[in-house]
Each structure stands twice: as structure tokens, then as C-alpha cells.
Amino acid sequence: MHISLTPELEAKIKSKVESGMYNNASEVVREALRYMEQNQELILQLKMDRLRTEVAIGANQAESGTFSHRTVQDIIAELNEDRNA
């Protein structure tokens, strides 16, 4: 199997291997996948909590007549930036 990673992710994996905690990149990826599987419910709950918070903020702003001038594309771009950070 071959996968493509961003330069940032490659650097993180290399850093983990260089730290001596892992013997190679495959071990780092396997550990990350195990962690993701074990914590999938927690990850989903955190995402849902963030979504609820953001929706509540928007609802409160709408009730008070405060509206954003950002476009849907602006919001999506911001979310993608947060995800990649």
C-alpha cells in the first residue's frame, strides 16, 4: 500500500522515528491508526461538541441581529485551515 502525505505529516512521522520511540514510519502510522480506532467515539463526541458550540453561537448572533459578512466558501476555507493545523 502506498499513501501520500503532506510534508508536515512526513516531518512529524520522521520526528517520531528520530526520537527513538518507533523503529520506522510504519510503526508510527500503525500506532496512530490504533489510537484513532480506540478513541473514535471520543473524537466523534469532541467534533459534535464543537459543532453544537458553533451552532449555538450562530443562533445567539442571529437572535441579536448580528450577522457575518463571510461567505460559505470563507467559512469552509477557515475550517479546512483549522483541520490542517
PDB file of N, CA and C in Angstrom:
ATOM      1  N   MET A   1       0.850  -1.175   0.000  1.00  0.00           N
ATOM      2  CA  MET A   1       0.000   0.000   0.000  1.00  0.00           C
ATOM      3  C   MET A   1       0.899   1.242   0.000  1.00  0.00           C
ATOM      4  N   HIS A   2       0.511   2.207  -0.800  1.00  0.00           N
ATOM      5  CA  HIS A   2       1.240   3.463  -0.859  1.00  0.00           C
ATOM      6  C   HIS A   2       0.283   4.578  -0.490  1.00  0.00           C
ATOM      7  N   ILE A   3       0.753   5.509   0.323  1.00  0.00           N
ATOM      8  CA  ILE A   3      -0.068   6.651   0.700  1.00  0.00           C
ATOM      9  C   ILE A   3       0.706   7.938   0.457  1.00  0.00           C
ATOM     10  N   SER A   4      -0.029   9.010   0.249  1.00  0.00           N
ATOM     11  CA  SER A   4       0.582  10.321   0.069  1.00  0.00           C
ATOM     12  C   SER A   4       0.340  11.142   1.325  1.00  0.00           C
ATOM     13  N   LEU A   5       1.379  11.796   1.800  1.00  0.00           N
ATOM     14  CA  LEU A   5       1.284  12.632   2.993  1.00  0.00           C
ATOM     15  C   LEU A   5       1.750  14.039   2.668  1.00  0.00           C
ATOM     16  N   THR A   6       1.240  14.994   3.418  1.00  0.00           N
ATOM     17  CA  THR A   6       1.733  16.356   3.286  1.00  0.00           C
ATOM     18  C   THR A   6       3.160  16.404   3.845  1.00  0.00           C
ATOM     19  N   PRO A   7       3.938  17.375   3.437  1.00  0.00           N
ATOM     20  CA  PRO A   7       5.292  17.497   4.004  1.00  0.00           C
ATOM     21  C   PRO A   7       5.275  17.625   5.533  1.00  0.00           C
ATOM     22  N   GLU A   8       4.252  18.281   6.068  1.00  0.00           N
ATOM     23  CA  GLU A   8       4.148  18.447   7.516  1.00  0.00           C
ATOM     24  C   GLU A   8       3.957  17.102   8.211  1.00  0.00           C
ATOM     25  N   LEU A   9       3.078  16.256   7.649  1.00  0.00           N
ATOM     26  CA  LEU A   9       2.857  14.942   8.246  1.00  0.00           C
ATOM     27  C   LEU A   9       4.096  14.063   8.124  1.00  0.00           C
ATOM     28  N   GLU A  10       4.774  14.140   6.994  1.00  0.00           N
ATOM     29  CA  GLU A  10       6.021  13.388   6.826  1.00  0.00           C
ATOM     30  C   GLU A  10       7.037  13.807   7.880  1.00  0.00           C
ATOM     31  N   ALA A  11       7.130  15.105   8.129  1.00  0.00           N
ATOM     32  CA  ALA A  11       8.077  15.607   9.126  1.00  0.00           C
ATOM     33  C   ALA A  11       7.721  15.104  10.522  1.00  0.00           C
ATOM     34  N   LYS A  12       6.433  15.060  10.822  1.00  0.00           N
ATOM     35  CA  LYS A  12       6.006  14.554  12.138  1.00  0.00           C
ATOM     36  C   LYS A  12       6.378  13.086  12.299  1.00  0.00           C
ATOM     37  N   ILE A  13       6.164  12.312  11.261  1.00  0.00           N
ATOM     38  CA  ILE A  13       6.494  10.888  11.320  1.00  0.00           C
ATOM     39  C   ILE A  13       8.002  10.708  11.471  1.00  0.00           C
ATOM     40  N   LYS A  14       8.782  11.434  10.688  1.00  0.00           N
ATOM     41  CA  LYS A  14      10.239  11.346  10.785  1.00  0.00           C
ATOM     42  C   LYS A  14      10.716  11.718  12.183  1.00  0.00           C
ATOM     43  N   SER A  15      10.085  12.743  12.757  1.00  0.00           N
ATOM     44  CA  SER A  15      10.447  13.181  14.108  1.00  0.00           C
ATOM     45  C   SER A  15      10.192  12.078  15.136  1.00  0.00           C
ATOM     46  N   LYS A  16       9.073  11.378  14.994  1.00  0.00           N
ATOM     47  CA  LYS A  16       8.758  10.279  15.910  1.00  0.00           C
ATOM     48  C   LYS A  16       9.786   9.161  15.793  1.00  0.00           C
ATOM     49  N   VAL A  17      10.174   8.837  14.566  1.00  0.00           N
ATOM     50  CA  VAL A  17      11.176   7.777  14.359  1.00  0.00           C
ATOM     51  C   VAL A  17      12.520   8.230  14.930  1.00  0.00           C
ATOM     52  N   GLU A  18      12.908   9.477  14.644  1.00  0.00           N
ATOM     53  CA  GLU A  18      14.187  10.001  15.128  1.00  0.00           C
ATOM     54  C   GLU A  18      14.246  10.087  16.643  1.00  0.00           C
ATOM     55  N   SER A  19      13.093  10.204  17.299  1.00  0.00           N
ATOM     56  CA  SER A  19      13.068  10.280  18.756  1.00  0.00           C
ATOM     57  C   SER A  19      13.439   8.945  19.397  1.00  0.00           C
ATOM     58  N   GLY A  20      13.386   7.877  18.601  1.00  0.00           N
ATOM     59  CA  GLY A  20      13.696   6.554  19.123  1.00  0.00           C
ATOM     60  C   GLY A  20      12.492   5.812  19.661  1.00  0.00           C
ATOM     61  N   MET A  21      11.335   6.464  19.664  1.00  0.00           N
ATOM     62  CA  MET A  21      10.120   5.820  20.176  1.00  0.00           C
ATOM     63  C   MET A  21       9.604   4.752  19.210  1.00  0.00           C
ATOM     64  N   TYR A  22       9.943   4.893  17.936  1.00  0.00           N
ATOM     65  CA  TYR A  22       9.486   3.965  16.896  1.00  0.00           C
ATOM     66  C   TYR A  22      10.680   3.575  16.035  1.00  0.00           C
ATOM     67  N   ASN A  23      10.637   2.362  15.503  1.00  0.00           N
ATOM     68  CA  ASN A  23      11.722   1.885  14.652  1.00  0.00           C
ATOM     69  C   ASN A  23      11.623   2.380  13.219  1.00  0.00           C
ATOM     70  N   ASN A  24      10.394   2.651  12.767  1.00  0.00           N
ATOM     71  CA  ASN A  24      10.210   3.083  11.379  1.00  0.00           C
ATOM     72  C   ASN A  24       8.869   3.778  11.223  1.00  0.00           C
ATOM     73  N   ALA A  25       8.655   4.332  10.031  1.00  0.00           N
ATOM     74  CA  ALA A  25       7.428   5.089   9.756  1.00  0.00           C
ATOM     75  C   ALA A  25       6.190   4.210   9.845  1.00  0.00           C
ATOM     76  N   SER A  26       6.301   2.954   9.456  1.00  0.00           N
ATOM     77  CA  SER A  26       5.142   2.054   9.512  1.00  0.00           C
ATOM     78  C   SER A  26       4.637   1.887  10.936  1.00  0.00           C
ATOM     79  N   GLU A  27       5.553   1.807  11.895  1.00  0.00           N
ATOM     80  CA  GLU A  27       5.139   1.688  13.291  1.00  0.00           C
ATOM     81  C   GLU A  27       4.376   2.931  13.746  1.00  0.00           C
ATOM     82  N   VAL A  28       4.835   4.099  13.319  1.00  0.00           N
ATOM     83  CA  VAL A  28       4.164   5.352  13.685  1.00  0.00           C
ATOM     84  C   VAL A  28       2.742   5.361  13.129  1.00  0.00           C
ATOM     85  N   VAL A  29       2.585   4.997  11.872  1.00  0.00           N
ATOM     86  CA  VAL A  29       1.266   5.003  11.235  1.00  0.00           C
ATOM     87  C   VAL A  29       0.361   3.963  11.885  1.00  0.00           C
ATOM     88  N   ARG A  30       0.878   2.766  12.166  1.00  0.00           N
ATOM     89  CA  ARG A  30       0.056   1.732  12.817  1.00  0.00           C
ATOM     90  C   ARG A  30      -0.421   2.201  14.188  1.00  0.00           C
ATOM     91  N   GLU A  31       0.480   2.818  14.946  1.00  0.00           N
ATOM     92  CA  GLU A  31       0.110   3.317  16.274  1.00  0.00           C
ATOM     93  C   GLU A  31      -0.963   4.402  16.167  1.00  0.00           C
ATOM     94  N   ALA A  32      -0.815   5.291  15.201  1.00  0.00           N
ATOM     95  CA  ALA A  32      -1.802   6.358  15.005  1.00  0.00           C
ATOM     96  C   ALA A  32      -3.167   5.766  14.642  1.00  0.00           C
ATOM     97  N   LEU A  33      -3.174   4.754  13.791  1.00  0.00           N
ATOM     98  CA  LEU A  33      -4.433   4.120  13.403  1.00  0.00           C
ATOM     99  C   LEU A  33      -5.068   3.395  14.587  1.00  0.00           C
ATOM    100  N   ARG A  34      -4.246   2.716  15.398  1.00  0.00           N
ATOM    101  CA  ARG A  34      -4.784   2.058  16.601  1.00  0.00           C
ATOM    102  C   ARG A  34      -5.392   3.084  17.544  1.00  0.00           C
ATOM    103  N   TYR A  35      -4.692   4.196  17.740  1.00  0.00           N
ATOM    104  CA  TYR A  35      -5.192   5.255  18.606  1.00  0.00           C
ATOM    105  C   TYR A  35      -6.523   5.790  18.088  1.00  0.00           C
ATOM    106  N   MET A  36      -6.584   6.018  16.786  1.00  0.00           N
ATOM    107  CA  MET A  36      -7.810   6.531  16.185  1.00  0.00           C
ATOM    108  C   MET A  36      -8.964   5.552  16.406  1.00  0.00           C
ATOM    109  N   GLU A  37      -8.722   4.270  16.193  1.00  0.00           N
ATOM    110  CA  GLU A  37      -9.760   3.261  16.389  1.00  0.00           C
ATOM    111  C   GLU A  37     -10.222   3.221  17.834  1.00  0.00           C
ATOM    112  N   GLN A  38      -9.280   3.236  18.770  1.00  0.00           N
ATOM    113  CA  GLN A  38      -9.600   3.148  20.186  1.00  0.00           C
ATOM    114  C   GLN A  38     -10.347   4.377  20.678  1.00  0.00           C
ATOM    115  N   ASN A  39     -10.110   5.501  20.048  1.00  0.00           N
ATOM    116  CA  ASN A  39     -10.688   6.758  20.526  1.00  0.00           C
ATOM    117  C   ASN A  39     -11.702   7.360  19.568  1.00  0.00           C
ATOM    118  N   GLN A  40     -12.206   6.556  18.659  1.00  0.00           N
ATOM    119  CA  GLN A  40     -13.125   7.060  17.647  1.00  0.00           C
ATOM    120  C   GLN A  40     -14.378   7.697  18.260  1.00  0.00           C
ATOM    121  N   GLU A  41     -14.925   7.075  19.288  1.00  0.00           N
ATOM    122  CA  GLU A  41     -16.125   7.631  19.919  1.00  0.00           C
ATOM    123  C   GLU A  41     -15.818   8.971  20.575  1.00  0.00           C
ATOM    124  N   LEU A  42     -14.673   9.062  21.246  1.00  0.00           N
ATOM    125  CA  LEU A  42     -14.271  10.322  21.865  1.00  0.00           C
ATOM    126  C   LEU A  42     -14.066  11.400  20.812  1.00  0.00           C
ATOM    127  N   ILE A  43     -13.415  11.048  19.716  1.00  0.00           N
ATOM    128  CA  ILE A  43     -13.177  12.003  18.629  1.00  0.00           C
ATOM    129  C   ILE A  43     -14.507  12.505  18.069  1.00  0.00           C
ATOM    130  N   LEU A  44     -15.448  11.603  17.842  1.00  0.00           N
ATOM    131  CA  LEU A  44     -16.762  11.993  17.334  1.00  0.00           C
ATOM    132  C   LEU A  44     -17.467  12.920  18.323  1.00  0.00           C
ATOM    133  N   GLN A  45     -17.391  12.604  19.606  1.00  0.00           N
ATOM    134  CA  GLN A  45     -18.038  13.431  20.624  1.00  0.00           C
ATOM    135  C   GLN A  45     -17.425  14.831  20.651  1.00  0.00           C
ATOM    136  N   LEU A  46     -16.104  14.920  20.536  1.00  0.00           N
ATOM    137  CA  LEU A  46     -15.452  16.225  20.519  1.00  0.00           C
ATOM    138  C   LEU A  46     -15.887  17.046  19.308  1.00  0.00           C
ATOM    139  N   LYS A  47     -15.994  16.395  18.154  1.00  0.00           N
ATOM    140  CA  LYS A  47     -16.442  17.090  16.941  1.00  0.00           C
ATOM    141  C   LYS A  47     -17.887  17.570  17.104  1.00  0.00           C
ATOM    142  N   MET A  48     -18.732  16.712  17.679  1.00  0.00           N
ATOM    143  CA  MET A  48     -20.136  17.094  17.874  1.00  0.00           C
ATOM    144  C   MET A  48     -20.252  18.246  18.874  1.00  0.00           C
ATOM    145  N   ASP A  49     -19.453  18.216  19.932  1.00  0.00           N
ATOM    146  CA  ASP A  49     -19.469  19.307  20.910  1.00  0.00           C
ATOM    147  C   ASP A  49     -19.062  20.623  20.268  1.00  0.00           C
ATOM    148  N   ARG A  50     -18.045  20.573  19.423  1.00  0.00           N
ATOM    149  CA  ARG A  50     -17.603  21.792  18.741  1.00  0.00           C
ATOM    150  C   ARG A  50     -18.696  22.300  17.806  1.00  0.00           C
ATOM    151  N   LEU A  51     -19.333  21.390  17.087  1.00  0.00           N
ATOM    152  CA  LEU A  51     -20.410  21.778  16.175  1.00  0.00           C
ATOM    153  C   LEU A  51     -21.560  22.419  16.953  1.00  0.00           C
ATOM    154  N   ARG A  52     -21.947  21.797  18.060  1.00  0.00           N
ATOM    155  CA  ARG A  52     -23.031  22.364  18.880  1.00  0.00           C
ATOM    156  C   ARG A  52     -22.676  23.757  19.380  1.00  0.00           C
ATOM    157  N   THR A  53     -21.438  23.933  19.803  1.00  0.00           N
ATOM    158  CA  THR A  53     -20.993  25.240  20.287  1.00  0.00           C
ATOM    159  C   THR A  53     -21.081  26.278  19.181  1.00  0.00           C
ATOM    160  N   GLU A  54     -20.596  25.925  18.003  1.00  0.00           N
ATOM    161  CA  GLU A  54     -20.616  26.861  16.878  1.00  0.00           C
ATOM    162  C   GLU A  54     -22.053  27.189  16.454  1.00  0.00           C
ATOM    163  N   VAL A  55     -22.925  26.191  16.451  1.00  0.00           N
ATOM    164  CA  VAL A  55     -24.328  26.426  16.086  1.00  0.00           C
ATOM    165  C   VAL A  55     -24.986  27.333  17.130  1.00  0.00           C
ATOM    166  N   ALA A  56     -24.696  27.117  18.402  1.00  0.00           N
ATOM    167  CA  ALA A  56     -25.265  27.956  19.459  1.00  0.00           C
ATOM    168  C   ALA A  56     -24.804  29.401  19.313  1.00  0.00           C
ATOM    169  N   ILE A  57     -23.532  29.584  18.985  1.00  0.00           N
ATOM    170  CA  ILE A  57     -23.021  30.947  18.764  1.00  0.00           C
ATOM    171  C   ILE A  57     -23.770  31.602  17.616  1.00  0.00           C
ATOM    172  N   GLY A  58     -23.927  30.867  16.523  1.00  0.00           N
ATOM    173  CA  GLY A  58     -24.660  31.414  15.371  1.00  0.00           C
ATOM    174  C   GLY A  58     -26.104  31.731  15.699  1.00  0.00           C
ATOM    175  N   ALA A  59     -26.744  30.858  16.456  1.00  0.00           N
ATOM    176  CA  ALA A  59     -28.148  31.096  16.835  1.00  0.00           C
ATOM    177  C   ALA A  59     -28.256  32.340  17.705  1.00  0.00           C
ATOM    178  N   ASN A  60     -27.347  32.488  18.646  1.00  0.00           N
ATOM    179  CA  ASN A  60     -27.367  33.678  19.512  1.00  0.00           C
ATOM    180  C   ASN A  60     -27.123  34.948  18.711  1.00  0.00           C
ATOM    181  N   GLN A  61     -26.198  34.880  17.754  1.00  0.00           N
ATOM    182  CA  GLN A  61     -25.931  36.047  16.924  1.00  0.00           C
ATOM    183  C   GLN A  61     -27.140  36.396  16.062  1.00  0.00           C
ATOM    184  N   ALA A  62     -27.809  35.390  15.517  1.00  0.00           N
ATOM    185  CA  ALA A  62     -28.994  35.636  14.688  1.00  0.00           C
ATOM    186  C   ALA A  62     -30.106  36.264  15.519  1.00  0.00           C
ATOM    187  N   GLU A  63     -30.294  35.772  16.745  1.00  0.00           N
ATOM    188  CA  GLU A  63     -31.330  36.327  17.624  1.00  0.00           C
ATOM    189  C   GLU A  63     -31.060  37.786  17.966  1.00  0.00           C
ATOM    190  N   SER A  64     -29.771  38.142  18.072  1.00  0.00           N
ATOM    191  CA  SER A  64     -29.432  39.522  18.420  1.00  0.00           C
ATOM    192  C   SER A  64     -29.277  40.411  17.189  1.00  0.00           C
ATOM    193  N   GLY A  65     -29.455  39.825  16.000  1.00  0.00           N
ATOM    194  CA  GLY A  65     -29.361  40.607  14.769  1.00  0.00           C
ATOM    195  C   GLY A  65     -27.942  40.830  14.281  1.00  0.00           C
ATOM    196  N   THR A  66     -26.999  40.067  14.821  1.00  0.00           N
ATOM    197  CA  THR A  66     -25.603  40.177  14.411  1.00  0.00           C
ATOM    198  C   THR A  66     -25.329  39.120  13.354  1.00  0.00           C
ATOM    199  N   PHE A  67     -24.942  39.571  12.173  1.00  0.00           N
ATOM    200  CA  PHE A  67     -24.703  38.635  11.080  1.00  0.00           C
ATOM    201  C   PHE A  67     -23.293  38.809  10.530  1.00  0.00           C
ATOM    202  N   SER A  68     -22.752  37.736  10.009  1.00  0.00           N
ATOM    203  CA  SER A  68     -21.412  37.730   9.436  1.00  0.00           C
ATOM    204  C   SER A  68     -21.498  38.071   7.954  1.00  0.00           C
ATOM    205  N   HIS A  69     -20.453  38.696   7.469  1.00  0.00           N
ATOM    206  CA  HIS A  69     -20.366  39.000   6.041  1.00  0.00           C
ATOM    207  C   HIS A  69     -19.516  37.967   5.307  1.00  0.00           C
ATOM    208  N   ARG A  70     -19.082  36.923   6.030  1.00  0.00           N
ATOM    209  CA  ARG A  70     -18.297  35.867   5.398  1.00  0.00           C
ATOM    210  C   ARG A  70     -19.200  35.020   4.502  1.00  0.00           C
ATOM    211  N   THR A  71     -18.616  34.536   3.424  1.00  0.00           N
ATOM    212  CA  THR A  71     -19.349  33.648   2.527  1.00  0.00           C
ATOM    213  C   THR A  71     -19.199  32.208   3.023  1.00  0.00           C
ATOM    214  N   VAL A  72     -19.996  31.322   2.479  1.00  0.00           N
ATOM    215  CA  VAL A  72     -19.879  29.906   2.808  1.00  0.00           C
ATOM    216  C   VAL A  72     -18.476  29.418   2.448  1.00  0.00           C
ATOM    217  N   GLN A  73     -17.939  29.885   1.327  1.00  0.00           N
ATOM    218  CA  GLN A  73     -16.595  29.498   0.910  1.00  0.00           C
ATOM    219  C   GLN A  73     -15.552  29.959   1.928  1.00  0.00           C
ATOM    220  N   ASP A  74     -15.725  31.160   2.491  1.00  0.00           N
ATOM    221  CA  ASP A  74     -14.807  31.657   3.520  1.00  0.00           C
ATOM    222  C   ASP A  74     -14.821  30.741   4.743  1.00  0.00           C
ATOM    223  N   ILE A  75     -15.998  30.350   5.147  1.00  0.00           N
ATOM    224  CA  ILE A  75     -16.152  29.502   6.332  1.00  0.00           C
ATOM    225  C   ILE A  75     -15.536  28.133   6.091  1.00  0.00           C
ATOM    226  N   ILE A  76     -15.787  27.558   4.925  1.00  0.00           N
ATOM    227  CA  ILE A  76     -15.218  26.243   4.592  1.00  0.00           C
ATOM    228  C   ILE A  76     -13.701  26.326   4.560  1.00  0.00           C
ATOM    229  N   ALA A  77     -13.161  27.381   3.969  1.00  0.00           N
ATOM    230  CA  ALA A  77     -11.705  27.551   3.905  1.00  0.00           C
ATOM    231  C   ALA A  77     -11.118  27.646   5.313  1.00  0.00           C
ATOM    232  N   GLU A  78     -11.784  28.374   6.181  1.00  0.00           N
ATOM    233  CA  GLU A  78     -11.318  28.506   7.573  1.00  0.00           C
ATOM    234  C   GLU A  78     -11.350  27.151   8.292  1.00  0.00           C
ATOM    235  N   LEU A  79     -12.398  26.393   8.087  1.00  0.00           N
ATOM    236  CA  LEU A  79     -12.489  25.071   8.697  1.00  0.00           C
ATOM    237  C   LEU A  79     -11.395  24.144   8.181  1.00  0.00           C
ATOM    238  N   ASN A  80     -11.112  24.216   6.896  1.00  0.00           N
ATOM    239  CA  ASN A  80     -10.038  23.404   6.319  1.00  0.00           C
ATOM    240  C   ASN A  80      -8.673  23.806   6.888  1.00  0.00           C
ATOM    241  N   GLU A  81      -8.463  25.106   7.102  1.00  0.00           N
ATOM    242  CA  GLU A  81      -7.221  25.564   7.702  1.00  0.00           C
ATOM    243  C   GLU A  81      -7.080  25.031   9.120  1.00  0.00           C
ATOM    244  N   ASP A  82      -8.172  25.078   9.891  1.00  0.00           N
ATOM    245  CA  ASP A  82      -8.145  24.561  11.273  1.00  0.00           C
ATOM    246  C   ASP A  82      -7.842  23.073  11.283  1.00  0.00           C
ATOM    247  N   ARG A  83      -8.418  22.358  10.345  1.00  0.00           N
ATOM    248  CA  ARG A  83      -8.226  20.900  10.275  1.00  0.00           C
ATOM    249  C   ARG A  83      -6.788  20.555   9.941  1.00  0.00           C
ATOM    250  N   ASN A  84      -6.141  21.375   9.101  1.00  0.00           N
ATOM    251  CA  ASN A  84      -4.777  21.100   8.673  1.00  0.00           C
ATOM    252  C   ASN A  84      -3.737  21.621   9.652  1.00  0.00           C
ATOM    253  N   ALA A  85      -4.171  22.392  10.617  1.00  0.00           N
ATOM    254  CA  ALA A  85      -3.220  22.949  11.596  1.00  0.00           C
ATOM    255  C   ALA A  85      -2.782  21.940  12.612  1.00  0.00           C
TER     256      ALA A  85
END
